[in-house]
N, C-alpha and C. Protein backbone atom coordinates (compact mmCIF):
# COMPACT_ATOMS: atom_id res chain seq x y z
N MET A 1 1.01 -1.27 -0.22
CA MET A 1 -0.19 -0.46 0.82
C MET A 1 1.11 1.34 0.24
N GLU A 2 0.43 2.33 -0.91
CA GLU A 2 1.66 3.21 -1.20
C GLU A 2 0.73 4.46 0.41
N ARG A 3 1.27 4.49 1.23
CA ARG A 3 1.06 6.16 2.06
C ARG A 3 0.40 6.69 1.67
N THR A 4 1.75 7.91 0.52
CA THR A 4 1.81 9.33 -0.03
C THR A 4 0.47 8.79 -1.18
N LYS A 5 0.11 8.31 -2.00
CA LYS A 5 -1.46 8.47 -2.49
C LYS A 5 -1.69 9.84 -2.84
N GLY A 6 -2.62 10.05 -1.09
CA GLY A 6 -2.54 11.06 -0.96
C GLY A 6 -2.72 12.01 -0.75
N ILE A 7 -1.25 12.40 -1.03
CA ILE A 7 -0.58 13.61 -0.35
C ILE A 7 -0.95 14.71 -2.00
N ARG A 8 -1.07 15.56 -1.24
CA ARG A 8 -1.59 16.87 -2.48
C ARG A 8 -1.28 17.90 -2.01
N PHE A 9 -0.62 19.28 -2.96
CA PHE A 9 -0.39 21.16 -2.54
C PHE A 9 -1.19 21.00 -2.53
N TYR A 10 -3.12 21.09 -2.20
CA TYR A 10 -3.35 21.87 -1.52
C TYR A 10 -4.82 20.86 -1.06
N LYS A 11 -4.85 21.56 -0.17
CA LYS A 11 -6.84 21.12 0.11
C LYS A 11 -7.90 20.63 -0.59
N THR A 12 -8.56 21.55 -1.25
CA THR A 12 -9.37 21.21 -2.37
C THR A 12 -8.20 21.08 -4.14
N GLU A 13 -9.42 19.98 -4.13
CA GLU A 13 -10.06 19.27 -5.19
C GLU A 13 -9.35 20.28 -7.21
N TYR A 14 -10.03 21.61 -6.06
CA TYR A 14 -10.21 22.70 -7.82
C TYR A 14 -9.40 23.87 -6.88
N PRO A 15 -9.16 24.51 -8.29
CA PRO A 15 -8.27 25.66 -7.41
C PRO A 15 -9.62 27.05 -7.35
N GLN A 16 -9.82 28.10 -6.40
CA GLN A 16 -10.74 28.93 -6.81
C GLN A 16 -10.06 29.88 -7.75
N ILE A 17 -11.30 30.91 -8.17
CA ILE A 17 -10.86 31.52 -9.28
C ILE A 17 -9.80 32.71 -8.23
N ASP A 18 -9.33 33.48 -9.32
CA ASP A 18 -8.38 34.03 -9.16
C ASP A 18 -7.50 33.57 -8.81
N ASP A 19 -6.89 32.74 -8.30
CA ASP A 19 -5.95 31.20 -7.95
C ASP A 19 -4.32 31.66 -9.28
N LEU A 20 -3.38 32.04 -8.69
CA LEU A 20 -1.99 31.60 -9.82
C LEU A 20 -2.18 29.74 -9.35
N VAL A 21 -1.82 29.03 -10.76
CA VAL A 21 -2.15 27.52 -10.99
C VAL A 21 -0.08 27.21 -11.94
N TYR A 22 -0.14 26.49 -12.12
CA TYR A 22 1.20 26.08 -12.87
C TYR A 22 0.54 25.20 -13.96
N ALA A 23 0.83 25.31 -15.33
CA ALA A 23 0.00 24.66 -15.94
C ALA A 23 0.94 24.31 -17.28
N LYS A 24 0.50 23.02 -17.83
CA LYS A 24 1.45 22.00 -18.72
C LYS A 24 1.18 22.17 -19.65
N ILE A 25 1.81 22.14 -20.76
CA ILE A 25 0.69 22.28 -22.14
C ILE A 25 0.92 20.21 -22.67
N THR A 26 0.07 20.17 -22.76
CA THR A 26 -0.22 19.11 -23.67
C THR A 26 -0.68 18.99 -24.61
N GLU A 27 -2.08 19.91 -25.77
CA GLU A 27 -2.79 19.89 -26.60
C GLU A 27 -2.44 21.82 -27.60
N ILE A 28 -2.19 21.77 -28.02
CA ILE A 28 -2.75 23.16 -28.88
C ILE A 28 -3.46 22.97 -30.27
N ASN A 29 -4.38 24.06 -30.19
CA ASN A 29 -5.29 23.81 -31.68
C ASN A 29 -4.92 25.31 -31.87
N GLU A 30 -6.21 25.43 -32.87
CA GLU A 30 -6.63 26.92 -33.60
C GLU A 30 -7.56 27.62 -32.97
N VAL A 31 -7.71 26.83 -31.15
CA VAL A 31 -9.29 27.72 -30.96
C VAL A 31 -8.65 27.49 -29.08
N TYR A 32 -7.57 26.60 -28.26
CA TYR A 32 -7.23 26.83 -27.11
C TYR A 32 -6.19 25.83 -27.15
N ILE A 33 -5.68 25.96 -25.91
CA ILE A 33 -4.63 25.44 -25.35
C ILE A 33 -4.71 24.78 -24.28
N THR A 34 -5.33 23.00 -24.29
CA THR A 34 -5.69 22.35 -23.33
C THR A 34 -4.02 21.42 -22.46
N VAL A 35 -4.44 22.21 -20.88
CA VAL A 35 -3.18 22.27 -20.23
C VAL A 35 -3.39 20.86 -18.91
N ILE A 36 -2.12 20.72 -18.25
CA ILE A 36 -2.88 20.06 -17.12
C ILE A 36 -2.20 20.95 -16.04
N LEU A 37 -2.64 20.74 -14.77
CA LEU A 37 -2.41 21.61 -13.48
C LEU A 37 -1.86 20.22 -12.44
N PRO A 38 -0.38 20.47 -12.93
CA PRO A 38 0.11 19.71 -11.10
C PRO A 38 0.12 19.74 -10.02
N GLU A 39 -0.07 20.56 -9.39
CA GLU A 39 -0.38 20.78 -8.20
C GLU A 39 -1.91 20.38 -7.84
N TYR A 40 -2.65 20.30 -8.67
CA TYR A 40 -4.40 19.36 -8.45
C TYR A 40 -4.21 17.88 -9.20
N ASN A 41 -3.32 17.19 -9.21
CA ASN A 41 -3.57 15.77 -9.65
C ASN A 41 -3.55 15.71 -10.89
N ASN A 42 -3.16 16.53 -12.22
CA ASN A 42 -2.55 17.10 -13.21
C ASN A 42 -4.13 16.45 -14.09
N ILE A 43 -4.70 17.87 -12.67
CA ILE A 43 -6.45 17.79 -13.76
C ILE A 43 -5.92 18.48 -15.24
N GLN A 44 -7.85 18.27 -15.82
CA GLN A 44 -7.06 19.62 -17.55
C GLN A 44 -7.70 21.02 -16.89
N ALA A 45 -7.26 21.81 -17.40
CA ALA A 45 -7.36 22.85 -17.94
C ALA A 45 -7.59 23.81 -19.17
N MET A 46 -7.67 24.55 -19.63
CA MET A 46 -7.98 24.90 -21.09
C MET A 46 -7.93 26.64 -20.97
N ILE A 47 -6.98 26.89 -22.50
CA ILE A 47 -6.89 28.80 -22.50
C ILE A 47 -7.39 29.04 -23.61
N MET A 48 -8.46 29.43 -23.84
CA MET A 48 -8.67 29.80 -25.33
C MET A 48 -7.56 30.90 -25.41
N LEU A 49 -7.39 31.45 -26.80
CA LEU A 49 -6.23 31.93 -27.84
C LEU A 49 -6.47 33.04 -27.10
N ASN A 50 -7.18 33.64 -27.13
CA ASN A 50 -7.07 35.37 -26.79
C ASN A 50 -7.05 35.62 -25.55
N GLU A 51 -7.26 33.95 -24.54
CA GLU A 51 -6.03 34.52 -23.04
C GLU A 51 -4.92 34.24 -23.42
N VAL A 52 -4.58 33.84 -24.11
CA VAL A 52 -2.41 33.24 -24.15
C VAL A 52 -1.74 34.42 -23.27
N SER A 53 -2.01 35.25 -25.00
CA SER A 53 -1.40 36.38 -25.52
C SER A 53 -1.79 37.16 -26.23
N ARG A 54 -1.15 38.80 -26.48
CA ARG A 54 -1.62 39.74 -27.41
C ARG A 54 -1.03 39.18 -28.30
N VAL A 55 -0.03 38.24 -28.75
CA VAL A 55 0.60 37.95 -30.01
C VAL A 55 -0.75 36.92 -31.24
N VAL A 56 0.24 37.76 -32.26
CA VAL A 56 -0.92 36.65 -33.50
C VAL A 56 -1.33 35.12 -33.55
N THR A 57 -1.96 34.82 -33.95
CA THR A 57 -2.51 33.61 -33.35
C THR A 57 -1.57 32.96 -33.93
N SER A 58 -1.30 33.18 -35.33
CA SER A 58 -0.63 32.12 -36.24
C SER A 58 0.70 31.79 -35.57
N ARG A 59 1.26 32.81 -34.87
CA ARG A 59 2.77 32.57 -34.30
C ARG A 59 2.85 31.79 -32.96
N LEU A 60 1.29 31.80 -32.02
CA LEU A 60 1.18 30.78 -31.19
C LEU A 60 1.90 29.23 -31.24
N LYS A 61 2.07 28.89 -32.31
CA LYS A 61 2.30 27.49 -32.05
C LYS A 61 4.33 27.86 -32.35
N LYS A 62 4.79 28.23 -32.96
CA LYS A 62 6.52 28.59 -32.82
C LYS A 62 6.69 29.01 -31.21
N LYS A 63 5.82 29.92 -30.82
CA LYS A 63 6.27 30.33 -29.55
C LYS A 63 6.07 29.38 -28.14
N TYR A 64 5.15 28.84 -28.52
CA TYR A 64 4.40 27.72 -27.04
C TYR A 64 4.29 26.12 -28.13
N LYS A 65 5.03 25.56 -26.94
CA LYS A 65 5.38 24.56 -27.30
C LYS A 65 4.53 23.42 -26.00
N ILE A 66 4.26 21.98 -26.80
CA ILE A 66 3.43 20.84 -25.40
C ILE A 66 4.94 20.71 -25.19
N GLY A 67 4.43 20.47 -23.72
CA GLY A 67 5.31 20.19 -22.60
C GLY A 67 5.98 20.78 -21.98
N ASN A 68 6.13 22.05 -22.56
CA ASN A 68 6.25 23.63 -21.80
C ASN A 68 4.80 24.16 -20.78
N SER A 69 5.74 24.87 -19.35
CA SER A 69 5.21 25.28 -18.66
C SER A 69 4.98 26.72 -18.37
N TYR A 70 4.02 26.75 -17.60
CA TYR A 70 3.20 28.75 -18.01
C TYR A 70 2.48 28.55 -16.36
N VAL A 71 2.31 29.73 -15.57
CA VAL A 71 1.87 30.44 -14.41
C VAL A 71 0.61 31.58 -15.59
N CYS A 72 -0.26 30.79 -14.99
CA CYS A 72 -1.53 31.35 -15.56
C CYS A 72 -2.95 31.44 -13.67
N ARG A 73 -3.25 32.16 -14.09
CA ARG A 73 -4.92 32.88 -13.10
C ARG A 73 -5.99 31.87 -13.52
N VAL A 74 -6.08 31.52 -12.48
CA VAL A 74 -8.21 30.96 -12.84
C VAL A 74 -9.09 32.03 -13.08
N LEU A 75 -9.82 31.33 -14.53
CA LEU A 75 -10.67 33.07 -14.53
C LEU A 75 -12.12 31.43 -14.42
N ASN A 76 -12.41 30.96 -14.32
CA ASN A 76 -13.86 29.65 -13.62
C ASN A 76 -13.25 28.87 -13.74
N VAL A 77 -14.14 28.63 -12.46
CA VAL A 77 -14.04 26.91 -12.32
C VAL A 77 -15.81 26.27 -11.96
N ASP A 78 -15.31 24.91 -12.89
CA ASP A 78 -17.35 24.63 -13.05
C ASP A 78 -16.96 22.86 -12.16
N ASP A 79 -16.87 23.16 -10.54
CA ASP A 79 -16.23 22.10 -10.21
C ASP A 79 -17.52 21.25 -10.32
N ILE A 80 -18.75 21.35 -11.09
CA ILE A 80 -19.24 19.92 -11.38
C ILE A 80 -18.99 18.89 -12.12
N LYS A 81 -18.81 20.07 -13.36
CA LYS A 81 -18.02 18.97 -14.55
C LYS A 81 -17.12 19.14 -15.05
N GLY A 82 -15.93 19.77 -14.23
CA GLY A 82 -14.57 19.60 -13.73
C GLY A 82 -13.79 20.66 -14.95
N PHE A 83 -14.25 21.62 -15.43
CA PHE A 83 -14.52 22.27 -16.55
C PHE A 83 -13.43 23.80 -16.34
N ILE A 84 -11.81 23.73 -16.20
CA ILE A 84 -11.35 24.70 -15.62
C ILE A 84 -10.88 25.77 -17.07
N ASP A 85 -10.73 27.39 -16.74
CA ASP A 85 -10.47 28.00 -17.40
C ASP A 85 -9.91 29.17 -17.47
N LEU A 86 -8.51 28.95 -17.50
CA LEU A 86 -7.53 29.80 -17.55
C LEU A 86 -6.97 31.50 -19.08
N THR A 87 -6.03 31.77 -17.95
CA THR A 87 -5.64 32.99 -18.53
C THR A 87 -4.49 33.39 -18.17
N LYS A 88 -3.06 33.43 -19.17
CA LYS A 88 -1.97 33.47 -18.96
C LYS A 88 -1.35 34.73 -19.23
N LYS A 89 -2.12 35.98 -20.38
CA LYS A 89 -2.03 36.91 -20.58
C LYS A 89 -2.12 38.27 -19.10
N ARG A 90 -3.23 36.85 -17.69
CA ARG A 90 -3.05 38.45 -17.26
C ARG A 90 -2.55 38.12 -15.95
N VAL A 91 -1.32 37.79 -16.46
CA VAL A 91 -0.49 37.36 -15.13
C VAL A 91 0.69 38.24 -15.12
N SER A 92 1.16 39.56 -14.51
CA SER A 92 2.33 40.19 -14.16
C SER A 92 3.15 39.20 -14.35
N ASP A 93 5.08 40.23 -15.20
CA ASP A 93 5.81 39.19 -14.22
C ASP A 93 6.69 38.80 -12.98
N ASP A 94 6.25 39.83 -12.39
CA ASP A 94 6.67 40.00 -10.87
C ASP A 94 5.85 38.67 -10.12
N GLU A 95 4.24 38.78 -10.48
CA GLU A 95 3.70 37.94 -9.78
C GLU A 95 3.47 36.29 -10.67
N SER A 96 4.18 36.03 -11.26
CA SER A 96 4.89 34.94 -11.68
C SER A 96 6.00 34.12 -11.53
N THR A 97 6.92 35.32 -11.09
CA THR A 97 8.46 34.98 -10.62
C THR A 97 8.06 34.54 -8.65
N ILE A 98 7.43 35.47 -8.30
CA ILE A 98 6.95 35.14 -7.04
C ILE A 98 6.39 33.60 -6.62
N PHE A 99 5.76 33.36 -7.68
CA PHE A 99 4.59 32.21 -8.17
C PHE A 99 5.84 30.79 -8.07
N VAL A 100 5.93 31.30 -8.72
CA VAL A 100 7.79 29.93 -9.60
C VAL A 100 8.19 29.29 -7.96
N LYS A 101 8.49 30.33 -7.86
CA LYS A 101 9.69 30.30 -6.01
C LYS A 101 8.56 29.41 -5.21
N LYS A 102 7.63 29.75 -4.83
CA LYS A 102 6.50 29.32 -4.06
C LYS A 102 6.43 27.80 -4.49
N TYR A 103 5.50 27.47 -6.03
CA TYR A 103 5.66 26.09 -6.85
C TYR A 103 7.48 25.27 -5.95
N ILE A 104 8.08 25.66 -6.74
CA ILE A 104 9.10 24.56 -6.32
C ILE A 104 9.32 24.62 -4.84
N THR A 105 9.84 25.53 -3.99
CA THR A 105 9.75 24.74 -2.41
C THR A 105 8.14 24.34 -2.10
N ASN A 106 7.10 23.95 -2.27
CA ASN A 106 6.35 22.78 -2.50
C ASN A 106 6.84 21.96 -3.06
N LYS A 107 7.09 21.73 -4.08
CA LYS A 107 7.08 20.76 -4.58
C LYS A 107 8.94 19.72 -3.97
N LYS A 108 9.46 21.33 -3.51
CA LYS A 108 10.24 20.15 -2.62
C LYS A 108 10.02 19.32 -1.55
N ILE A 109 9.21 20.45 -1.18
CA ILE A 109 8.62 19.82 0.29
C ILE A 109 7.67 18.60 0.41
N ILE A 110 6.85 19.06 -0.09
CA ILE A 110 6.00 17.43 -1.02
C ILE A 110 6.91 16.07 -0.75
N LYS A 111 8.05 15.82 -2.26
CA LYS A 111 9.10 15.04 -1.96
C LYS A 111 9.46 14.96 -0.86
N LEU A 112 10.03 15.71 -0.17
CA LEU A 112 10.36 15.17 1.17
C LEU A 112 9.35 13.95 1.39
N VAL A 113 8.42 15.07 1.83
CA VAL A 113 7.63 13.57 2.70
C VAL A 113 7.23 12.95 1.96
N LYS A 114 7.17 12.68 0.87
CA LYS A 114 6.94 11.58 0.50
C LYS A 114 7.97 10.26 -0.03
N ASP A 115 9.70 11.15 0.41
CA ASP A 115 10.13 10.23 0.15
C ASP A 115 10.25 9.63 2.29
N TYR A 116 9.88 10.08 2.84
CA TYR A 116 10.09 10.57 4.14
C TYR A 116 8.86 9.08 4.66
N LEU A 117 7.53 9.18 4.20
CA LEU A 117 7.03 7.99 4.01
C LEU A 117 6.95 6.77 3.20
N ASN A 118 7.88 6.61 2.35
CA ASN A 118 8.13 5.37 1.75
C ASN A 118 9.24 4.98 2.06
N ASN A 119 10.27 5.09 3.07
CA ASN A 119 11.22 4.57 3.84
C ASN A 119 10.18 3.72 4.70
C-alpha cells in the first residue's frame, strides 16, 4: 500500500477563481490550449487563445510548445463538470516569479514528505 497517494499540494480538489496555477501544455489547436495542473493531480484545464497572449494567433505554435509550463490565473471553475478556464496574459512577470519560487519550494516539501513516508 502506498502511503503517499493522498498527499497533495492543496486541500481543495480544484483551484479557486483568481488563483495562480502552474500549467503544463498538453495540446495546442486553433481555438484553445489544453493544459494539466500538476498541483491538482494533473487535472485538465483550458486556455482560450485570446487569453494566451497578445501575439498573433498564427505565431502561437512557434512560441508555445507541448510540454512547456507557464503560470496562469484561474478565470472560471465548474467543479461539477470539472471545467477550468485559465488566462496567461493576466499574470504579471512579478506575480509569475514569486509563484514559481513558491511552487518549487512546495514541490520540494511534497517530495521530502513522500520520501519519508515511503521509507
